[in-house]
Amino acid sequence: MSTVVITGASRGIGAATARALSADHDLVLVGRDADALRAVAGDCRSARVVTADLTTADGPALAAAGIASLDGLVHCAGIAELGRIADSSADQWRRSYEVNVVAVVELTRVLLPALRAAGGHVVVVNSGAGHTAKAGWAAYAASKFAVRAVTDALREEEPTLRVTSVHPGRVDTGMQRAIVAGEGRDYDPRAFLRPESVATAIRQALEATDDVHPTEVILRPRPH
C-alpha cells in the first residue's frame, strides 16, 4: 500500500483528496486544525494526523518525521488574500509567498530523500491564477506563478520523480465564499468546481501508468 502526504487536509480540496485516496493509500494528513484533521481521518481507511504549521521553522520537519519512503506528496494548503497593488501591504505579499511558495518548497526539500527512495510523485495544487494575473489578484497570482516555476524546476532537477501542477479554476470552498463575499456578490456554488472534482484529477494523476508523466492538469468549471 503506497503512502501519500497531503497538506491542507483539514478542509476543501485537501480533505476531498484524502477521501478520494483513502481506499488505496496510507495517508499522512497535515494541517493546523487538529480537530478537523481527525474528522477527515475518521473517513479514511488508514490515515495519520500531523498538526503542523508549515510556515514555521520546525513545521516541515514535523510533517516529514518518520517517513523513509514516500510515494506521493500532495500540496493542497494555500491562502488567497486579494487586493489591488495600490492597497496591498508588504505583509500580505509575504504571507502569500510563505504559505503558497516557501512552505511548498521546504516540505518538498525535506521529503526529497523519501520521495527518491520510492520514485515518488509530487502534486502541487496551483490555480488558474498561476497562468493569468488579473486586477486585484496580484499577490496571489504572483505566488502561484512562482510555485509553477518551482514545479517546472523540480521536474528538471529530479528526473526520477513525477511532478504535476494542477490548475483548477475557482472551487466551491470556504476560501471561495470569503472571496465572493469580498467581491460583494451572491454566492452560487454551481458556478464553481467541486472539491471532489479536483480530488479526482489529483487521484488520476497519482495513479497514471508508469509510461505517463502528467506534468500539468488544467480544470475549469462548465458554465450553467
Protein backbone atom coordinates (compact mmCIF):
# COMPACT_ATOMS: atom_id res chain seq x y z
CA MET A 1 0.00 0.00 0.00
CA SER A 2 1.52 3.34 -1.05
CA THR A 3 1.98 6.26 1.33
CA VAL A 4 0.81 9.78 0.46
CA VAL A 5 1.26 13.00 2.42
CA ILE A 6 -1.50 15.61 1.93
CA THR A 7 -1.16 19.18 3.18
CA GLY A 8 -4.13 21.42 3.83
CA ALA A 9 -6.02 18.20 4.55
CA SER A 10 -8.48 19.60 7.09
CA ARG A 11 -10.90 21.07 4.55
CA GLY A 12 -11.61 21.90 0.92
CA ILE A 13 -9.53 20.24 -1.78
CA GLY A 14 -7.17 18.65 0.75
CA ALA A 15 -9.97 16.90 2.65
CA ALA A 16 -11.62 15.80 -0.61
CA THR A 17 -8.29 14.41 -1.81
CA ALA A 18 -7.84 12.43 1.40
CA ARG A 19 -11.25 10.83 0.94
CA ALA A 20 -10.60 10.15 -2.75
CA LEU A 21 -7.33 8.34 -1.96
CA SER A 22 -8.36 6.64 1.27
CA ALA A 23 -9.31 3.24 -0.13
CA ASP A 24 -5.93 2.52 -1.72
CA HIS A 25 -3.34 4.57 0.17
CA ASP A 26 -1.90 5.04 3.64
CA LEU A 27 -2.29 8.76 4.29
CA VAL A 28 -0.48 11.36 6.35
CA LEU A 29 -2.82 14.33 6.80
CA VAL A 30 -1.08 17.62 7.57
CA GLY A 31 -2.70 20.85 8.70
CA ARG A 32 -3.15 23.28 11.58
CA ASP A 33 -6.65 22.32 12.75
CA ALA A 34 -6.27 19.11 14.75
CA ASP A 35 -10.00 18.53 15.27
CA ALA A 36 -10.80 18.98 11.59
CA LEU A 37 -7.92 16.70 10.59
CA ARG A 38 -9.16 13.98 12.93
CA ALA A 39 -12.64 14.26 11.44
CA VAL A 40 -11.24 13.75 7.94
CA ALA A 41 -9.05 10.87 9.16
CA GLY A 42 -12.17 9.21 10.52
CA ASP A 43 -13.48 8.94 6.95
CA CYS A 44 -10.30 7.23 5.75
CA ARG A 45 -9.19 3.60 5.89
CA SER A 46 -5.65 4.43 7.07
CA ALA A 47 -4.69 7.98 7.99
CA ARG A 48 -2.26 9.53 10.44
CA VAL A 49 -2.75 13.13 11.55
CA VAL A 50 0.13 15.61 11.88
CA THR A 51 -0.74 19.02 13.28
CA ALA A 52 1.87 21.43 11.96
CA ASP A 53 2.25 24.96 10.63
CA LEU A 54 4.43 24.56 7.55
CA THR A 55 5.47 28.22 7.63
CA THR A 56 7.36 27.73 10.90
CA ALA A 57 10.97 26.61 11.20
CA ASP A 58 10.11 23.16 12.57
CA GLY A 59 6.78 22.57 10.77
CA PRO A 60 8.14 20.77 7.67
CA ALA A 61 10.41 18.51 9.73
CA LEU A 62 7.48 17.63 11.99
CA ALA A 63 5.35 16.71 8.97
CA ALA A 64 8.14 14.59 7.50
CA ALA A 65 9.13 12.79 10.70
CA GLY A 66 9.41 9.02 10.40
CA ILE A 67 8.85 8.87 6.64
CA ALA A 68 11.63 6.94 4.94
CA SER A 69 9.85 6.16 1.66
CA LEU A 70 7.08 8.28 0.15
CA ASP A 71 5.01 7.52 -2.93
CA GLY A 72 3.11 10.79 -3.13
CA LEU A 73 3.21 14.33 -1.77
CA VAL A 74 0.13 16.44 -2.49
CA HIS A 75 0.35 20.14 -1.65
CA CYS A 76 -3.17 21.48 -1.09
CA ALA A 77 -2.51 24.13 1.56
CA GLY A 78 -2.79 27.72 0.38
CA ILE A 79 -4.18 31.16 1.06
CA ALA A 80 -5.75 33.85 -1.12
CA GLU A 81 -5.53 37.41 0.14
CA LEU A 82 -6.84 39.71 -2.57
CA GLY A 83 -6.46 43.43 -3.15
CA ARG A 84 -5.14 45.90 -5.66
CA ILE A 85 -1.41 46.60 -5.61
CA ALA A 86 -2.02 50.20 -4.52
CA ASP A 87 -3.88 48.97 -1.45
CA SER A 88 -1.89 45.86 -0.51
CA SER A 89 0.73 45.67 2.21
CA ALA A 90 4.16 44.07 2.25
CA ASP A 91 2.89 41.69 4.93
CA GLN A 92 0.16 40.47 2.57
CA TRP A 93 2.76 39.66 -0.06
CA ARG A 94 5.00 37.95 2.48
CA ARG A 95 2.13 35.77 3.78
CA SER A 96 1.18 34.75 0.24
CA TYR A 97 4.74 33.67 -0.53
CA GLU A 98 5.34 32.00 2.84
CA VAL A 99 2.27 29.75 2.52
CA ASN A 100 1.94 29.29 -1.23
CA VAL A 101 5.62 29.03 -2.17
CA VAL A 102 8.13 28.72 0.67
CA ALA A 103 6.18 26.09 2.61
CA VAL A 104 5.79 24.02 -0.56
CA VAL A 105 9.49 24.25 -1.32
CA GLU A 106 10.62 23.47 2.22
CA LEU A 107 8.37 20.45 2.80
CA THR A 108 9.31 19.07 -0.60
CA ARG A 109 13.00 19.58 0.16
CA VAL A 110 12.76 17.80 3.50
CA LEU A 111 10.88 14.88 1.93
CA LEU A 112 13.08 14.52 -1.17
CA PRO A 113 15.10 11.57 0.21
CA ALA A 114 11.88 9.66 0.91
CA LEU A 115 10.43 10.58 -2.48
CA ARG A 116 13.62 9.48 -4.25
CA ALA A 117 13.58 6.17 -2.37
CA ALA A 118 10.12 5.40 -3.75
CA GLY A 119 10.44 7.08 -7.15
CA GLY A 120 7.56 9.20 -5.90
CA HIS A 121 5.17 11.78 -7.27
CA VAL A 122 4.76 15.43 -6.20
CA VAL A 123 1.44 17.14 -6.93
CA VAL A 124 1.04 20.86 -6.33
CA VAL A 125 -2.45 22.35 -6.40
CA ASN A 126 -1.87 25.65 -8.16
CA SER A 127 -4.64 27.80 -9.69
CA GLY A 128 -5.85 29.36 -12.89
CA ALA A 129 -4.13 32.41 -11.40
CA GLY A 130 -0.85 30.55 -11.91
CA HIS A 131 -1.27 31.28 -15.63
CA THR A 132 -3.25 34.54 -15.70
CA ALA A 133 -2.99 37.52 -13.37
CA LYS A 134 -6.00 39.81 -13.00
CA ALA A 135 -6.56 43.13 -11.30
CA GLY A 136 -6.94 42.70 -7.56
CA TRP A 137 -5.26 39.29 -7.56
CA ALA A 138 -1.61 40.35 -7.84
CA ALA A 139 -0.14 38.89 -4.64
CA TYR A 140 -2.00 35.60 -5.02
CA ALA A 141 -1.23 35.25 -8.74
CA ALA A 142 2.42 36.14 -8.24
CA SER A 143 2.74 33.39 -5.64
CA LYS A 144 1.07 30.90 -7.98
CA PHE A 145 3.28 31.90 -10.91
CA ALA A 146 6.23 31.38 -8.56
CA VAL A 147 5.17 27.93 -7.41
CA ARG A 148 4.61 26.92 -11.05
CA ALA A 149 8.26 27.82 -11.62
CA VAL A 150 9.13 25.63 -8.63
CA THR A 151 7.34 22.62 -10.16
CA ASP A 152 8.99 23.21 -13.53
CA ALA A 153 12.44 23.37 -11.94
CA LEU A 154 11.80 20.35 -9.69
CA ARG A 155 10.77 18.30 -12.70
CA GLU A 156 14.13 19.05 -14.34
CA GLU A 157 16.19 18.59 -11.18
CA GLU A 158 14.62 15.29 -10.05
CA PRO A 159 14.17 13.14 -13.18
CA THR A 160 13.31 10.02 -11.15
CA LEU A 161 10.21 11.76 -9.75
CA ARG A 162 6.95 12.75 -11.39
CA VAL A 163 5.83 16.33 -10.75
CA THR A 164 2.33 17.51 -11.57
CA SER A 165 0.98 21.05 -11.37
CA VAL A 166 -2.83 21.15 -11.06
CA HIS A 167 -4.52 24.39 -12.11
CA PRO A 168 -8.19 24.44 -11.13
CA GLY A 169 -10.47 27.37 -11.76
CA ARG A 170 -12.45 28.70 -8.84
CA VAL A 171 -13.56 25.93 -6.46
CA ASP A 172 -16.52 25.73 -4.07
CA THR A 173 -14.67 26.04 -0.75
CA GLY A 174 -14.76 28.19 2.35
CA MET A 175 -11.96 30.26 0.86
CA GLN A 176 -14.09 30.88 -2.22
CA ARG A 177 -17.04 32.00 -0.11
CA ALA A 178 -14.82 34.58 1.58
CA ILE A 179 -13.54 35.81 -1.79
CA VAL A 180 -17.03 36.17 -3.24
CA ALA A 181 -18.19 38.00 -0.11
CA GLY A 182 -15.26 40.38 -0.53
CA GLU A 183 -16.32 40.94 -4.13
CA GLY A 184 -19.80 41.86 -2.91
CA ARG A 185 -21.54 39.16 -4.93
CA ASP A 186 -24.09 36.50 -4.07
CA TYR A 187 -22.63 33.01 -3.70
CA ASP A 188 -23.80 30.30 -6.09
CA PRO A 189 -21.90 27.02 -5.60
CA ARG A 190 -22.98 25.85 -9.06
CA ALA A 191 -20.65 28.45 -10.58
CA PHE A 192 -17.58 26.70 -9.21
CA LEU A 193 -15.77 23.39 -9.41
CA ARG A 194 -16.50 20.89 -6.66
CA PRO A 195 -13.52 19.98 -4.43
CA GLU A 196 -14.28 16.33 -5.20
CA SER A 197 -13.76 17.00 -8.91
CA VAL A 198 -10.30 18.42 -8.29
CA ALA A 199 -9.55 15.50 -5.98
CA THR A 200 -10.49 13.08 -8.77
CA ALA A 201 -7.99 14.76 -11.10
CA ILE A 202 -5.29 14.52 -8.42
CA ARG A 203 -6.02 10.82 -7.90
CA GLN A 204 -5.89 10.18 -11.65
CA ALA A 205 -2.51 11.92 -11.88
CA LEU A 206 -1.11 9.88 -8.98
CA GLU A 207 -2.41 6.64 -10.46
CA ALA A 208 -1.18 7.29 -14.00
CA THR A 209 0.59 4.32 -15.57
CA ASP A 210 4.37 4.20 -15.41
CA ASP A 211 4.83 5.34 -19.01
CA VAL A 212 3.00 8.65 -18.35
CA HIS A 213 4.26 11.84 -16.73
CA PRO A 214 1.25 14.15 -16.19
CA THR A 215 3.08 17.46 -15.95
CA GLU A 216 0.10 19.83 -15.89
CA VAL A 217 -3.64 19.45 -15.36
CA ILE A 218 -5.99 22.37 -16.09
CA LEU A 219 -9.58 22.29 -14.85
CA ARG A 220 -12.30 24.86 -15.46
CA PRO A 221 -15.94 24.96 -14.33
CA ARG A 222 -18.51 24.23 -17.01
CA PRO A 223 -20.96 27.13 -17.46
CA HIS A 224 -24.52 26.65 -16.25
